[in-house]
Amino acid sequence: MDAEKIVLIERMAMEIFDESRKKQGLSEEALGKLAYPGEPNPRMKIQSLRIKRGHGKPQRLRFGDFWALCDALGRDASEVCAEIKLIKLRQAEKK
């Protein structure tokens, strides 16, 4: 799989996490504290995964970050992966 497709999948995961966060009424800071306890600036950690940085791209979503966010939001990692697959299938059908 090429790098562009991998980044697209990572962005889909972040969108799913954002939706879950909002449904649960959590702020970025609250999610950051749950996902990264002990992190000096938990809100900034979440923002770095969502928002473009100086070079125009957000930080890449590493597997550990994916797992930490699933755990913090009470989401099953396999279900998040299934949602991403469903989104990809729907996008393919539109083409």
C-alpha atoms as a PDB file:
ATOM      1  CA  MET A   1       0.000   0.000   0.000  1.00  0.00           C
ATOM      2  CA  ASP A   2       1.412   3.390  -0.883  1.00  0.00           C
ATOM      3  CA  ALA A   3       2.070   6.062   1.741  1.00  0.00           C
ATOM      4  CA  GLU A   4      -0.766   8.293   0.545  1.00  0.00           C
ATOM      5  CA  LYS A   5      -3.351   5.569   1.163  1.00  0.00           C
ATOM      6  CA  ILE A   6      -1.906   4.845   4.598  1.00  0.00           C
ATOM      7  CA  VAL A   7      -2.180   8.505   5.578  1.00  0.00           C
ATOM      8  CA  LEU A   8      -5.785   8.559   4.302  1.00  0.00           C
ATOM      9  CA  ILE A   9      -6.630   5.605   6.545  1.00  0.00           C
ATOM     10  CA  GLU A  10      -5.000   7.361   9.503  1.00  0.00           C
ATOM     11  CA  ARG A  11      -7.112  10.464   8.824  1.00  0.00           C
ATOM     12  CA  MET A  12     -10.261   8.293   8.699  1.00  0.00           C
ATOM     13  CA  ALA A  13      -9.363   6.866  12.095  1.00  0.00           C
ATOM     14  CA  MET A  14      -8.896  10.368  13.534  1.00  0.00           C
ATOM     15  CA  GLU A  15     -12.310  11.389  12.171  1.00  0.00           C
ATOM     16  CA  ILE A  16     -13.881   8.356  13.871  1.00  0.00           C
ATOM     17  CA  PHE A  17     -12.115   9.249  17.127  1.00  0.00           C
ATOM     18  CA  ASP A  18     -13.310  12.866  16.854  1.00  0.00           C
ATOM     19  CA  GLU A  19     -16.904  11.711  16.351  1.00  0.00           C
ATOM     20  CA  SER A  20     -16.661   9.387  19.370  1.00  0.00           C
ATOM     21  CA  ARG A  21     -15.103  12.135  21.483  1.00  0.00           C
ATOM     22  CA  LYS A  22     -17.867  14.574  20.612  1.00  0.00           C
ATOM     23  CA  LYS A  23     -20.640  11.994  21.202  1.00  0.00           C
ATOM     24  CA  GLN A  24     -19.197  11.367  24.656  1.00  0.00           C
ATOM     25  CA  GLY A  25     -18.997  15.096  25.383  1.00  0.00           C
ATOM     26  CA  LEU A  26     -15.235  15.035  25.869  1.00  0.00           C
ATOM     27  CA  SER A  27     -12.981  17.968  25.145  1.00  0.00           C
ATOM     28  CA  GLU A  28      -9.661  17.391  23.395  1.00  0.00           C
ATOM     29  CA  GLU A  29      -7.944  17.973  26.725  1.00  0.00           C
ATOM     30  CA  ALA A  30     -10.123  15.413  28.533  1.00  0.00           C
ATOM     31  CA  LEU A  31      -9.453  12.840  25.818  1.00  0.00           C
ATOM     32  CA  GLY A  32      -5.757  13.640  25.966  1.00  0.00           C
ATOM     33  CA  LYS A  33      -5.695  13.060  29.719  1.00  0.00           C
ATOM     34  CA  LEU A  34      -7.438   9.706  29.296  1.00  0.00           C
ATOM     35  CA  ALA A  35      -5.281   8.549  26.389  1.00  0.00           C
ATOM     36  CA  TYR A  36      -1.956   9.941  27.581  1.00  0.00           C
ATOM     37  CA  PRO A  37      -1.924  10.105  31.381  1.00  0.00           C
ATOM     38  CA  GLY A  38       1.137  11.933  32.602  1.00  0.00           C
ATOM     39  CA  GLU A  39       1.639  13.768  29.308  1.00  0.00           C
ATOM     40  CA  PRO A  40       2.586  17.379  30.173  1.00  0.00           C
ATOM     41  CA  ASN A  41       0.252  18.858  27.516  1.00  0.00           C
ATOM     42  CA  PRO A  42      -2.445  16.283  26.638  1.00  0.00           C
ATOM     43  CA  ARG A  43      -4.539  18.672  24.533  1.00  0.00           C
ATOM     44  CA  MET A  44      -1.532  19.479  22.344  1.00  0.00           C
ATOM     45  CA  LYS A  45      -0.884  15.758  21.858  1.00  0.00           C
ATOM     46  CA  ILE A  46      -4.424  15.267  20.507  1.00  0.00           C
ATOM     47  CA  GLN A  47      -4.186  18.384  18.350  1.00  0.00           C
ATOM     48  CA  SER A  48      -0.877  17.249  16.872  1.00  0.00           C
ATOM     49  CA  LEU A  49      -2.667  14.156  15.544  1.00  0.00           C
ATOM     50  CA  ARG A  50      -5.524  16.216  14.075  1.00  0.00           C
ATOM     51  CA  ILE A  51      -4.230  19.566  12.893  1.00  0.00           C
ATOM     52  CA  LYS A  52      -1.636  20.476  10.285  1.00  0.00           C
ATOM     53  CA  ARG A  53       1.730  21.464  11.687  1.00  0.00           C
ATOM     54  CA  GLY A  54       4.483  23.686  10.324  1.00  0.00           C
ATOM     55  CA  HIS A  55       5.190  21.425   7.344  1.00  0.00           C
ATOM     56  CA  GLY A  56       1.476  21.346   6.442  1.00  0.00           C
ATOM     57  CA  LYS A  57       0.641  17.869   7.714  1.00  0.00           C
ATOM     58  CA  PRO A  58      -0.627  16.474  11.006  1.00  0.00           C
ATOM     59  CA  GLN A  59       1.512  14.028  12.942  1.00  0.00           C
ATOM     60  CA  ARG A  60       1.181  10.462  11.699  1.00  0.00           C
ATOM     61  CA  LEU A  61      -1.064   8.179  13.750  1.00  0.00           C
ATOM     62  CA  ARG A  62       1.167   5.465  15.189  1.00  0.00           C
ATOM     63  CA  PHE A  63      -0.261   2.133  16.299  1.00  0.00           C
ATOM     64  CA  GLY A  64       0.327   2.990  19.954  1.00  0.00           C
ATOM     65  CA  ASP A  65      -1.627   6.237  19.530  1.00  0.00           C
ATOM     66  CA  PHE A  66      -4.419   4.339  17.767  1.00  0.00           C
ATOM     67  CA  TRP A  67      -4.619   1.867  20.641  1.00  0.00           C
ATOM     68  CA  ALA A  68      -4.444   4.578  23.327  1.00  0.00           C
ATOM     69  CA  LEU A  69      -7.291   6.513  21.695  1.00  0.00           C
ATOM     70  CA  CYS A  70      -9.442   3.378  21.293  1.00  0.00           C
ATOM     71  CA  ASP A  71      -8.873   2.540  24.954  1.00  0.00           C
ATOM     72  CA  ALA A  72      -9.583   6.093  26.149  1.00  0.00           C
ATOM     73  CA  LEU A  73     -12.828   6.242  24.186  1.00  0.00           C
ATOM     74  CA  GLY A  74     -13.936   2.744  25.168  1.00  0.00           C
ATOM     75  CA  ARG A  75     -13.814   1.659  21.537  1.00  0.00           C
ATOM     76  CA  ASP A  76     -12.826  -1.796  20.354  1.00  0.00           C
ATOM     77  CA  ALA A  77      -9.890  -1.438  17.962  1.00  0.00           C
ATOM     78  CA  SER A  78     -11.290  -4.084  15.618  1.00  0.00           C
ATOM     79  CA  GLU A  79     -14.592  -2.199  15.381  1.00  0.00           C
ATOM     80  CA  VAL A  80     -12.778   1.022  14.487  1.00  0.00           C
ATOM     81  CA  CYS A  81     -10.889  -0.896  11.788  1.00  0.00           C
ATOM     82  CA  ALA A  82     -14.201  -2.309  10.508  1.00  0.00           C
ATOM     83  CA  GLU A  83     -15.646   1.234  10.326  1.00  0.00           C
ATOM     84  CA  ILE A  84     -12.634   2.351   8.291  1.00  0.00           C
ATOM     85  CA  LYS A  85     -13.078  -0.594   5.938  1.00  0.00           C
ATOM     86  CA  LEU A  86     -16.756   0.262   5.502  1.00  0.00           C
ATOM     87  CA  ILE A  87     -15.900   3.893   4.711  1.00  0.00           C
ATOM     88  CA  LYS A  88     -13.352   2.731   2.130  1.00  0.00           C
ATOM     89  CA  LEU A  89     -15.911   0.401   0.514  1.00  0.00           C
ATOM     90  CA  ARG A  90     -18.474   3.192   0.294  1.00  0.00           C
ATOM     91  CA  GLN A  91     -15.900   5.493  -1.280  1.00  0.00           C
ATOM     92  CA  ALA A  92     -14.980   2.814  -3.826  1.00  0.00           C
ATOM     93  CA  GLU A  93     -18.646   2.361  -4.764  1.00  0.00           C
ATOM     94  CA  LYS A  94     -18.952   6.093  -5.504  1.00  0.00           C
ATOM     95  CA  LYS A  95     -16.112   5.954  -8.039  1.00  0.00           C
END
